[in-house]
Amino acid sequence: MAAETETRAAADLRAERARCERLVALALEAARAGGADAAEASASVDRGLSATVRLGEVETVEFHRDQGIGVTVYVGRRKGSASTADLREASVRAAVEAALAIARHAGEDPCAGLAPPERLAREWPELDLHHPWGLDAEGAIALATACEDAARAVDRRIANSEGATVTTHEGTSVYGNTHGFLGGYEGSRHSVSCAVVAREGEAMERDWWWTVARDPAELEAPEAVGRRAGERAVRRLGGRKIATRECPVLYAAEVAGGLIGHFLGAIRGGRLYRRASFLLDRLGERVFPEWMAIREDPHIPKALGSAPFDAEGVATRPRELVAGGVLRGYVLDTYSACRLGMETTGNAGGVHNVLVAPSRSGGLEALLAEMGEGLLVTELMGHGVNYVTGDYSRGAAGFWVEGGRIAHPVHEITVAGNLAEMFRAIAAVGDDVDTRGRVRTGSILVGRMTVAGD
């Protein structure tokens, strides 16, 4: 029965893509007829289900279905944009007329315009991004219940729960422009997560775990997710403060992606052309240790960040961002590339599967042994990053490490430094790669940072 449901879902979504293609073509034709020199449009239809169970009771069940089309027109170098969630032809034409009216009153911008036609994707690989999950509300509730039950059964000290959630999502999107590009594809994303609270005396600690994948067959079992969440919460009991010091800091794989995310944020075109990045004008310079390698690979089958083309229709391609520790590429869309006097890197809409190469075999345990004494970070809080200066300060929790082994939990601390110095001080990257996002990296050991406690 589930297989039949999934087959119908896939067929329905392909039909929605065909409808979106017709509406995008209609919008482009209407824009040309209305006097636009160039135009682009994107349409999408998304649907999904989410169920949350807390303390054995159903807390929420939500179905959603969203749709919309956005149109951007260019009259000379003047730009106008409009959108609508109503996909009737009359509404699409009205959105085009609104965009044209805006463009006629907009100021000239020499960088306004479409991506170069020679950079647009004309053919693309099959990336296996759409895997429907024939899951109804009852099935989602059962999985969430099994997940939370497993978490609460880990230890008698599991005193409360923030709930377990199961989500399934799928959608289709289409982009087209007056350079002759028209393309679209379907995608899916499914997840199971759980968060619980452990208590011992007056002390309480919260932790969680999750699994996410395009293919539901690749999700961790709900019971495994729950057990991991419960175990993580219990092991944080007995947390202590530590005195302020300088020491090595090891970012566990599940939080190390955030550190690389700050690097990606600093090389985004918008920050660069506004001169608001500490990595401005550093292209071709060493910003990491000489062994460090980071690349972007948009064509990994089933990966969460995979895409055959970007939000402007530009063909995506594998490329080096960092090689030999040297910054080799920025993250640019057409507009930011123009402002910088460069070419688009196919990153309109974001990055696609950023892979940090491990520096050695061995994951967290190996890096703990290498660190010897220092701080293992398993959770970060706050957003204390100044991209202009690179100054970094975030609340953290984790474990103090002595003799290469976890000694005790720590809490109420802050880790601080300067990102430029932190990147150069990276001592190792483990092979315990976390694949649950657009950034794929193992645990990262930074040789020295300030840890502020008592």
Protein backbone atom coordinates (compact mmCIF):
# COMPACT_ATOMS: atom_id res chain seq x y z
CA MET A 1 0.00 0.00 0.00
CA ALA A 2 2.81 2.39 0.91
CA ALA A 3 4.54 1.68 -2.43
CA GLU A 4 1.33 2.51 -4.32
CA THR A 5 0.99 5.74 -2.34
CA GLU A 6 4.58 6.70 -3.13
CA THR A 7 4.08 5.98 -6.84
CA ARG A 8 0.97 8.17 -6.93
CA ALA A 9 2.79 10.91 -5.03
CA ALA A 10 5.65 10.90 -7.53
CA ALA A 11 3.24 11.03 -10.48
CA ASP A 12 1.27 13.88 -8.88
CA LEU A 13 4.42 15.89 -8.33
CA ARG A 14 5.56 15.39 -11.93
CA ALA A 15 2.17 16.71 -13.02
CA GLU A 16 2.66 19.73 -10.75
CA ARG A 17 6.04 20.35 -12.35
CA ALA A 18 4.45 20.34 -15.80
CA ARG A 19 1.90 22.89 -14.58
CA CYS A 20 4.67 25.06 -13.11
CA GLU A 21 6.57 24.90 -16.41
CA ARG A 22 3.50 26.16 -18.29
CA LEU A 23 3.01 29.02 -15.83
CA VAL A 24 6.68 30.06 -15.93
CA ALA A 25 6.55 30.09 -19.75
CA LEU A 26 3.35 32.14 -19.57
CA ALA A 27 4.97 34.66 -17.22
CA LEU A 28 8.00 35.08 -19.48
CA GLU A 29 5.82 35.55 -22.54
CA ALA A 30 3.66 38.12 -20.74
CA ALA A 31 6.77 39.99 -19.56
CA ARG A 32 8.12 40.23 -23.11
CA ALA A 33 4.75 41.35 -24.41
CA GLY A 34 4.59 43.99 -21.68
CA GLY A 35 7.88 45.59 -22.71
CA ALA A 36 10.49 43.80 -20.61
CA ASP A 37 13.93 43.47 -22.17
CA ALA A 38 14.54 40.34 -20.07
CA ALA A 39 12.70 38.35 -17.43
CA GLU A 40 12.95 35.35 -15.15
CA ALA A 41 10.38 33.42 -13.16
CA SER A 42 10.28 30.55 -10.69
CA ALA A 43 7.33 28.47 -9.52
CA SER A 44 7.09 25.82 -6.84
CA VAL A 45 4.68 23.46 -5.12
CA ASP A 46 5.57 21.92 -1.74
CA ARG A 47 3.67 19.59 0.56
CA GLY A 48 4.36 17.69 3.73
CA LEU A 49 3.33 16.20 7.05
CA SER A 50 4.69 16.68 10.56
CA ALA A 51 3.71 14.89 13.77
CA THR A 52 5.00 15.55 17.30
CA VAL A 53 4.46 13.34 20.34
CA ARG A 54 5.33 14.60 23.83
CA LEU A 55 5.17 12.53 27.01
CA GLY A 56 3.27 9.85 25.15
CA GLU A 57 0.56 12.18 23.89
CA VAL A 58 0.04 13.58 20.41
CA GLU A 59 0.94 17.24 20.59
CA THR A 60 0.62 18.35 16.95
CA VAL A 61 -0.18 16.92 13.55
CA GLU A 62 0.28 19.35 10.68
CA PHE A 63 -0.27 19.01 6.97
CA HIS A 64 0.91 21.75 4.64
CA ARG A 65 0.73 22.54 0.97
CA ASP A 66 2.38 25.70 -0.34
CA GLN A 67 2.61 27.04 -3.85
CA GLY A 68 3.71 30.23 -5.52
CA ILE A 69 5.35 31.94 -8.46
CA GLY A 70 7.79 34.84 -8.47
CA VAL A 71 8.56 37.02 -11.47
CA THR A 72 11.45 39.45 -12.03
CA VAL A 73 11.55 41.71 -15.07
CA TYR A 74 14.28 43.98 -16.41
CA VAL A 75 13.53 47.13 -18.34
CA GLY A 76 16.96 48.25 -19.43
CA ARG A 77 18.92 48.03 -16.18
CA ARG A 78 15.88 48.66 -14.02
CA LYS A 79 14.45 45.74 -12.09
CA GLY A 80 11.01 44.90 -10.73
CA SER A 81 9.79 41.81 -8.89
CA ALA A 82 6.40 40.49 -7.81
CA SER A 83 5.00 37.20 -6.59
CA THR A 84 1.72 35.44 -5.91
CA ALA A 85 0.52 32.25 -4.25
CA ASP A 86 -2.41 32.11 -6.69
CA LEU A 87 -1.39 30.00 -9.68
CA ARG A 88 -4.34 30.89 -11.89
CA GLU A 89 -3.26 32.38 -15.21
CA ALA A 90 -4.96 35.71 -14.50
CA SER A 91 -3.04 36.05 -11.22
CA VAL A 92 0.25 35.23 -12.91
CA ARG A 93 -0.40 37.92 -15.54
CA ALA A 94 -1.27 40.40 -12.76
CA ALA A 95 2.03 39.62 -11.03
CA VAL A 96 3.90 40.30 -14.28
CA GLU A 97 2.11 43.64 -14.68
CA ALA A 98 3.02 44.58 -11.10
CA ALA A 99 6.66 43.71 -11.70
CA LEU A 100 6.72 45.81 -14.87
CA ALA A 101 5.21 48.79 -13.05
CA ILE A 102 7.85 48.51 -10.32
CA ALA A 103 10.67 48.27 -12.86
CA ARG A 104 9.57 51.42 -14.66
CA HIS A 105 9.93 53.38 -11.41
CA ALA A 106 13.11 51.71 -10.18
CA GLY A 107 16.58 53.21 -10.38
CA GLU A 108 19.22 52.05 -12.84
CA ASP A 109 21.56 49.33 -11.61
CA PRO A 110 24.40 48.39 -13.97
CA CYS A 111 24.55 44.89 -12.51
CA ALA A 112 20.84 44.11 -12.80
CA GLY A 113 20.15 41.32 -15.26
CA LEU A 114 20.09 37.61 -16.01
CA ALA A 115 22.94 35.16 -15.72
CA PRO A 116 25.11 34.95 -18.86
CA PRO A 117 23.48 32.57 -21.38
CA GLU A 118 26.69 30.60 -21.85
CA ARG A 119 26.70 29.67 -18.13
CA LEU A 120 23.17 28.24 -18.09
CA ALA A 121 22.64 24.49 -17.74
CA ARG A 122 21.61 22.89 -21.02
CA GLU A 123 21.70 19.32 -19.74
CA TRP A 124 22.13 17.94 -16.25
CA PRO A 125 22.67 14.69 -14.38
CA GLU A 126 19.98 12.67 -12.65
CA LEU A 127 20.74 13.18 -8.97
CA ASP A 128 18.07 10.92 -7.43
CA LEU A 129 16.69 13.67 -5.19
CA HIS A 130 13.04 12.61 -4.92
CA HIS A 131 11.99 9.73 -2.68
CA PRO A 132 8.36 9.97 -1.51
CA TRP A 133 7.49 8.46 1.85
CA GLY A 134 4.07 6.82 1.93
CA LEU A 135 3.49 7.98 5.49
CA ASP A 136 0.08 8.97 6.86
CA ALA A 137 -0.66 10.75 10.14
CA GLU A 138 -1.13 7.51 12.06
CA GLY A 139 2.17 6.15 10.80
CA ALA A 140 4.02 9.34 11.70
CA ILE A 141 2.52 9.34 15.19
CA ALA A 142 3.56 5.72 15.71
CA LEU A 143 7.15 6.44 14.69
CA ALA A 144 7.35 9.54 16.90
CA THR A 145 5.93 7.58 19.83
CA ALA A 146 8.50 4.80 19.37
CA CYS A 147 11.27 7.40 19.24
CA GLU A 148 10.24 9.20 22.41
CA ASP A 149 9.55 5.94 24.28
CA ALA A 150 13.10 4.79 23.51
CA ALA A 151 14.53 8.07 24.80
CA ARG A 152 12.55 7.98 28.04
CA ALA A 153 13.52 4.35 28.66
CA VAL A 154 17.27 5.05 28.59
CA ASP A 155 17.56 6.01 32.26
CA ARG A 156 15.29 6.74 35.22
CA ARG A 157 16.82 10.23 35.29
CA ILE A 158 15.06 11.19 32.05
CA ALA A 159 12.57 13.45 33.77
CA ASN A 160 10.90 15.33 30.94
CA SER A 161 10.62 15.53 27.20
CA GLU A 162 10.39 18.23 24.58
CA GLY A 163 8.94 15.61 22.26
CA ALA A 164 9.79 13.55 19.22
CA THR A 165 8.92 14.79 15.74
CA VAL A 166 8.61 12.99 12.42
CA THR A 167 8.44 15.06 9.24
CA THR A 168 8.09 14.23 5.57
CA HIS A 169 8.37 16.82 2.82
CA GLU A 170 8.46 16.80 -0.95
CA GLY A 171 8.17 19.44 -3.61
CA THR A 172 8.90 20.52 -7.14
CA SER A 173 10.37 23.76 -8.44
CA VAL A 174 10.80 25.24 -11.92
CA TYR A 175 12.94 28.15 -13.08
CA GLY A 176 12.96 29.83 -16.47
CA ASN A 177 14.29 32.98 -18.13
CA THR A 178 14.23 34.76 -21.47
CA HIS A 179 17.63 33.39 -22.43
CA GLY A 180 15.74 30.22 -23.29
CA PHE A 181 16.30 28.32 -20.06
CA LEU A 182 13.45 26.28 -18.55
CA GLY A 183 14.15 23.54 -16.06
CA GLY A 184 12.87 21.95 -12.88
CA TYR A 185 13.10 18.91 -10.67
CA GLU A 186 11.51 17.24 -7.66
CA GLY A 187 13.07 16.77 -4.24
CA SER A 188 12.27 15.29 -0.83
CA ARG A 189 13.47 15.62 2.74
CA HIS A 190 12.45 13.48 5.72
CA SER A 191 13.50 13.57 9.36
CA VAL A 192 13.08 12.12 12.84
CA SER A 193 14.20 14.07 15.92
CA CYS A 194 13.87 13.89 19.68
CA ALA A 195 14.83 16.10 22.65
CA VAL A 196 14.62 15.08 26.31
CA VAL A 197 15.60 16.48 29.71
CA ALA A 198 17.60 14.55 32.30
CA ARG A 199 17.45 15.47 35.99
CA GLU A 200 19.61 14.64 38.99
CA GLY A 201 18.80 16.51 42.17
CA GLU A 202 18.25 20.11 41.21
CA ALA A 203 20.38 19.86 38.07
CA MET A 204 18.68 19.46 34.70
CA GLU A 205 20.26 19.00 31.29
CA ARG A 206 18.68 18.86 27.84
CA ASP A 207 20.02 17.20 24.72
CA TRP A 208 18.70 15.83 21.46
CA TRP A 209 19.45 13.82 18.35
CA TRP A 210 18.11 13.67 14.83
CA THR A 211 18.32 11.92 11.48
CA VAL A 212 17.53 13.45 8.09
CA ALA A 213 17.69 12.14 4.52
CA ARG A 214 16.09 12.46 1.12
CA ASP A 215 15.35 8.72 1.09
CA PRO A 216 13.35 7.47 4.11
CA ALA A 217 15.15 4.12 3.82
CA GLU A 218 18.35 5.92 4.82
CA LEU A 219 16.99 7.37 8.07
CA GLU A 220 18.21 5.98 11.37
CA ALA A 221 15.57 3.90 13.16
CA PRO A 222 13.35 6.06 15.39
CA GLU A 223 14.32 3.94 18.42
CA ALA A 224 18.02 4.57 17.71
CA VAL A 225 17.40 8.32 17.49
CA GLY A 226 15.53 8.27 20.80
CA ARG A 227 18.21 6.23 22.59
CA ARG A 228 20.92 8.58 21.36
CA ALA A 229 18.99 11.63 22.56
CA GLY A 230 18.45 10.05 25.99
CA GLU A 231 22.08 8.97 26.34
CA ARG A 232 23.33 12.43 25.37
CA ALA A 233 21.09 14.11 27.95
CA VAL A 234 22.13 11.76 30.77
CA ARG A 235 25.85 12.07 30.09
CA ARG A 236 25.61 15.85 30.54
CA LEU A 237 24.48 15.52 34.17
CA GLY A 238 27.03 16.62 36.72
CA GLY A 239 28.25 19.47 34.57
CA ARG A 240 30.72 21.92 36.12
CA LYS A 241 32.08 25.33 35.37
CA ILE A 242 35.77 25.64 34.62
CA ALA A 243 38.19 28.49 35.15
CA THR A 244 38.91 30.82 32.23
CA ARG A 245 41.92 29.64 30.24
CA GLU A 246 43.44 29.14 26.82
CA CYS A 247 43.38 25.57 25.56
CA PRO A 248 42.70 23.36 22.53
CA VAL A 249 39.04 23.08 21.52
CA LEU A 250 37.59 20.07 19.71
CA TYR A 251 34.34 20.65 17.82
CA ALA A 252 32.34 17.42 17.56
CA ALA A 253 31.22 16.66 14.01
CA GLU A 254 27.61 17.68 14.66
CA VAL A 255 28.69 21.25 15.51
CA ALA A 256 31.87 21.47 13.39
CA GLY A 257 29.77 22.24 10.31
CA GLY A 258 28.88 25.56 11.91
CA LEU A 259 32.54 26.54 12.04
CA ILE A 260 32.87 25.86 8.30
CA GLY A 261 29.58 27.71 7.83
CA HIS A 262 31.24 30.84 9.21
CA PHE A 263 33.98 30.46 6.59
CA LEU A 264 31.34 30.16 3.85
CA GLY A 265 29.55 33.21 5.22
CA ALA A 266 32.77 35.22 4.97
CA ILE A 267 33.27 34.35 1.28
CA ARG A 268 29.72 35.08 0.14
CA GLY A 269 29.45 37.68 -2.55
CA GLY A 270 27.06 39.96 -0.68
CA ARG A 271 29.48 40.47 2.19
CA LEU A 272 32.44 40.81 -0.15
CA TYR A 273 31.09 43.54 -2.41
CA ARG A 274 29.84 45.41 0.66
CA ARG A 275 33.38 45.10 2.05
CA ALA A 276 32.00 43.50 5.21
CA SER A 277 34.16 40.37 5.44
CA PHE A 278 37.47 39.62 7.14
CA LEU A 279 38.33 37.47 4.10
CA LEU A 280 37.94 40.33 1.62
CA ASP A 281 40.70 40.32 -1.04
CA ARG A 282 42.16 37.07 0.33
CA LEU A 283 41.61 35.01 -2.84
CA GLY A 284 44.82 33.13 -3.62
CA GLU A 285 46.14 33.47 -0.07
CA ARG A 286 46.58 30.77 2.57
CA VAL A 287 43.82 31.04 5.16
CA PHE A 288 43.96 27.45 6.54
CA PRO A 289 46.85 25.07 7.29
CA GLU A 290 48.59 23.86 4.13
CA TRP A 291 47.05 20.38 4.37
CA MET A 292 43.47 21.70 4.45
CA ALA A 293 41.14 20.99 1.52
CA ILE A 294 37.50 22.05 1.10
CA ARG A 295 35.52 21.45 -2.06
CA GLU A 296 32.00 21.85 -3.34
CA ASP A 297 30.35 18.92 -5.10
CA PRO A 298 26.76 19.64 -6.22
CA HIS A 299 26.29 16.28 -7.96
CA ILE A 300 26.33 13.71 -5.14
CA PRO A 301 23.26 11.47 -5.62
CA LYS A 302 20.66 11.84 -2.85
CA ALA A 303 22.70 14.44 -0.95
CA LEU A 304 20.78 17.22 0.79
CA GLY A 305 22.74 19.98 -0.96
CA SER A 306 22.74 18.52 -4.48
CA ALA A 307 21.33 20.52 -7.40
CA PRO A 308 21.84 20.35 -11.18
CA PHE A 309 21.61 24.13 -11.50
CA ASP A 310 21.34 27.11 -9.16
CA ALA A 311 18.45 29.52 -8.60
CA GLU A 312 19.42 31.44 -11.76
CA GLY A 313 19.69 28.37 -13.99
CA VAL A 314 23.51 28.41 -13.93
CA ALA A 315 25.00 24.94 -14.24
CA THR A 316 26.53 23.72 -11.00
CA ARG A 317 29.90 22.00 -11.05
CA PRO A 318 32.38 20.49 -8.60
CA ARG A 319 35.13 22.92 -7.63
CA GLU A 320 37.79 23.62 -5.04
CA LEU A 321 37.12 26.26 -2.42
CA VAL A 322 40.32 25.61 -0.49
CA ALA A 323 43.35 23.63 -1.71
CA GLY A 324 46.64 23.44 0.12
CA GLY A 325 45.10 25.79 2.69
CA VAL A 326 44.75 28.48 0.00
CA LEU A 327 41.41 30.18 -0.73
CA ARG A 328 40.60 29.26 -4.33
CA GLY A 329 37.03 30.44 -4.80
CA TYR A 330 34.25 32.67 -3.53
CA VAL A 331 30.50 31.93 -3.32
CA LEU A 332 28.88 34.19 -5.92
CA ASP A 333 25.64 34.67 -7.78
CA THR A 334 25.40 36.77 -10.95
CA TYR A 335 24.75 40.08 -9.20
CA SER A 336 27.52 39.82 -6.60
CA ALA A 337 29.93 38.57 -9.27
CA CYS A 338 29.18 41.64 -11.38
CA ARG A 339 29.75 43.94 -8.40
CA LEU A 340 33.13 42.29 -7.83
CA GLY A 341 34.14 42.23 -11.49
CA MET A 342 34.08 38.44 -11.48
CA GLU A 343 31.92 35.59 -12.83
CA THR A 344 29.12 33.72 -11.08
CA THR A 345 30.17 30.51 -9.34
CA GLY A 346 26.70 28.95 -9.65
CA ASN A 347 25.74 29.70 -6.05
CA ALA A 348 22.53 31.70 -6.39
CA GLY A 349 20.49 30.24 -3.56
CA GLY A 350 23.46 28.96 -1.55
CA VAL A 351 26.21 26.35 -1.53
CA HIS A 352 25.88 22.74 -2.67
CA ASN A 353 27.51 19.97 -0.61
CA VAL A 354 30.64 21.51 0.88
CA LEU A 355 33.05 18.69 1.74
CA VAL A 356 35.91 19.11 4.23
CA ALA A 357 38.59 16.50 3.62
CA PRO A 358 39.67 14.53 6.74
CA SER A 359 43.32 15.07 7.64
CA ARG A 360 43.79 11.58 9.07
CA SER A 361 42.01 8.32 9.79
CA GLY A 362 40.06 8.20 13.02
CA GLY A 363 37.14 10.19 14.33
CA LEU A 364 36.28 11.77 17.65
CA GLU A 365 38.13 9.27 19.83
CA ALA A 366 41.34 9.68 17.84
CA LEU A 367 41.13 13.46 18.06
CA LEU A 368 40.46 13.31 21.81
CA ALA A 369 43.65 11.31 22.21
CA GLU A 370 45.55 13.79 20.04
CA MET A 371 44.23 16.77 22.01
CA GLY A 372 45.16 15.24 25.35
CA GLU A 373 43.77 18.03 27.50
CA GLY A 374 41.20 20.58 26.43
CA LEU A 375 37.53 21.20 25.71
CA LEU A 376 35.18 19.04 23.65
CA VAL A 377 32.27 21.15 22.37
CA THR A 378 29.00 19.35 21.66
CA GLU A 379 26.60 22.30 21.71
CA LEU A 380 26.85 25.96 20.70
CA MET A 381 24.50 28.81 21.58
CA GLY A 382 24.12 32.36 20.36
CA HIS A 383 25.34 34.06 17.21
CA GLY A 384 28.41 35.98 18.34
CA VAL A 385 30.23 36.31 15.03
CA ASN A 386 31.44 39.62 13.57
CA TYR A 387 32.14 38.98 9.89
CA VAL A 388 33.86 42.32 9.43
CA THR A 389 36.58 41.64 12.00
CA GLY A 390 36.31 37.86 12.34
CA ASP A 391 35.77 38.11 16.09
CA TYR A 392 34.01 35.01 17.42
CA SER A 393 32.34 34.39 20.79
CA ARG A 394 29.66 31.79 21.44
CA GLY A 395 28.11 30.10 24.42
CA ALA A 396 29.01 26.43 24.59
CA ALA A 397 28.56 23.17 26.47
CA GLY A 398 30.47 19.93 26.28
CA PHE A 399 33.13 18.02 28.20
CA TRP A 400 36.51 18.65 29.76
CA VAL A 401 39.12 16.21 28.49
CA GLU A 402 42.19 14.97 30.37
CA GLY A 403 44.67 12.34 29.24
CA GLY A 404 42.78 12.01 25.96
CA ARG A 405 39.59 10.93 27.72
CA ILE A 406 36.41 12.71 28.78
CA ALA A 407 36.79 13.72 32.44
CA HIS A 408 33.48 15.47 33.17
CA PRO A 409 30.73 17.59 31.57
CA VAL A 410 31.09 21.38 31.51
CA HIS A 411 28.47 24.08 31.08
CA GLU A 412 28.00 27.86 31.29
CA ILE A 413 31.13 28.60 29.28
CA THR A 414 32.02 30.71 26.26
CA VAL A 415 34.50 29.85 23.51
CA ALA A 416 36.12 32.85 21.86
CA GLY A 417 38.75 33.80 19.33
CA ASN A 418 39.20 35.34 15.92
CA LEU A 419 38.05 33.26 12.96
CA ALA A 420 41.09 34.11 10.84
CA GLU A 421 43.37 32.88 13.63
CA MET A 422 41.13 29.90 14.42
CA PHE A 423 41.17 28.71 10.80
CA ARG A 424 44.97 28.85 10.72
CA ALA A 425 45.11 27.01 14.06
CA ILE A 426 43.08 23.99 12.93
CA ALA A 427 45.21 21.01 13.89
CA ALA A 428 43.15 18.11 12.53
CA VAL A 429 39.89 17.07 10.88
CA GLY A 430 38.49 13.63 11.72
CA ASP A 431 36.91 11.12 9.36
CA ASP A 432 33.67 10.90 11.39
CA VAL A 433 31.88 12.89 8.70
CA ASP A 434 28.37 14.17 9.48
CA THR A 435 26.31 14.04 6.26
CA ARG A 436 23.11 15.61 7.64
CA GLY A 437 23.42 18.96 5.90
CA ARG A 438 24.99 20.96 3.10
CA VAL A 439 28.34 21.02 4.92
CA ARG A 440 29.96 17.60 5.39
CA THR A 441 32.80 17.51 7.88
CA GLY A 442 34.22 15.38 10.65
CA SER A 443 35.20 16.65 14.08
CA ILE A 444 37.57 19.64 13.98
CA LEU A 445 40.40 20.27 16.46
CA VAL A 446 41.45 23.90 16.89
CA GLY A 447 44.87 24.19 18.52
CA ARG A 448 44.15 27.11 20.84
CA MET A 449 41.19 29.26 21.86
CA THR A 450 40.00 31.22 24.87
CA VAL A 451 37.50 29.38 27.05
CA ALA A 452 35.75 31.71 29.47
CA GLY A 453 34.20 30.17 32.58
CA ASP A 454 34.49 31.25 36.22
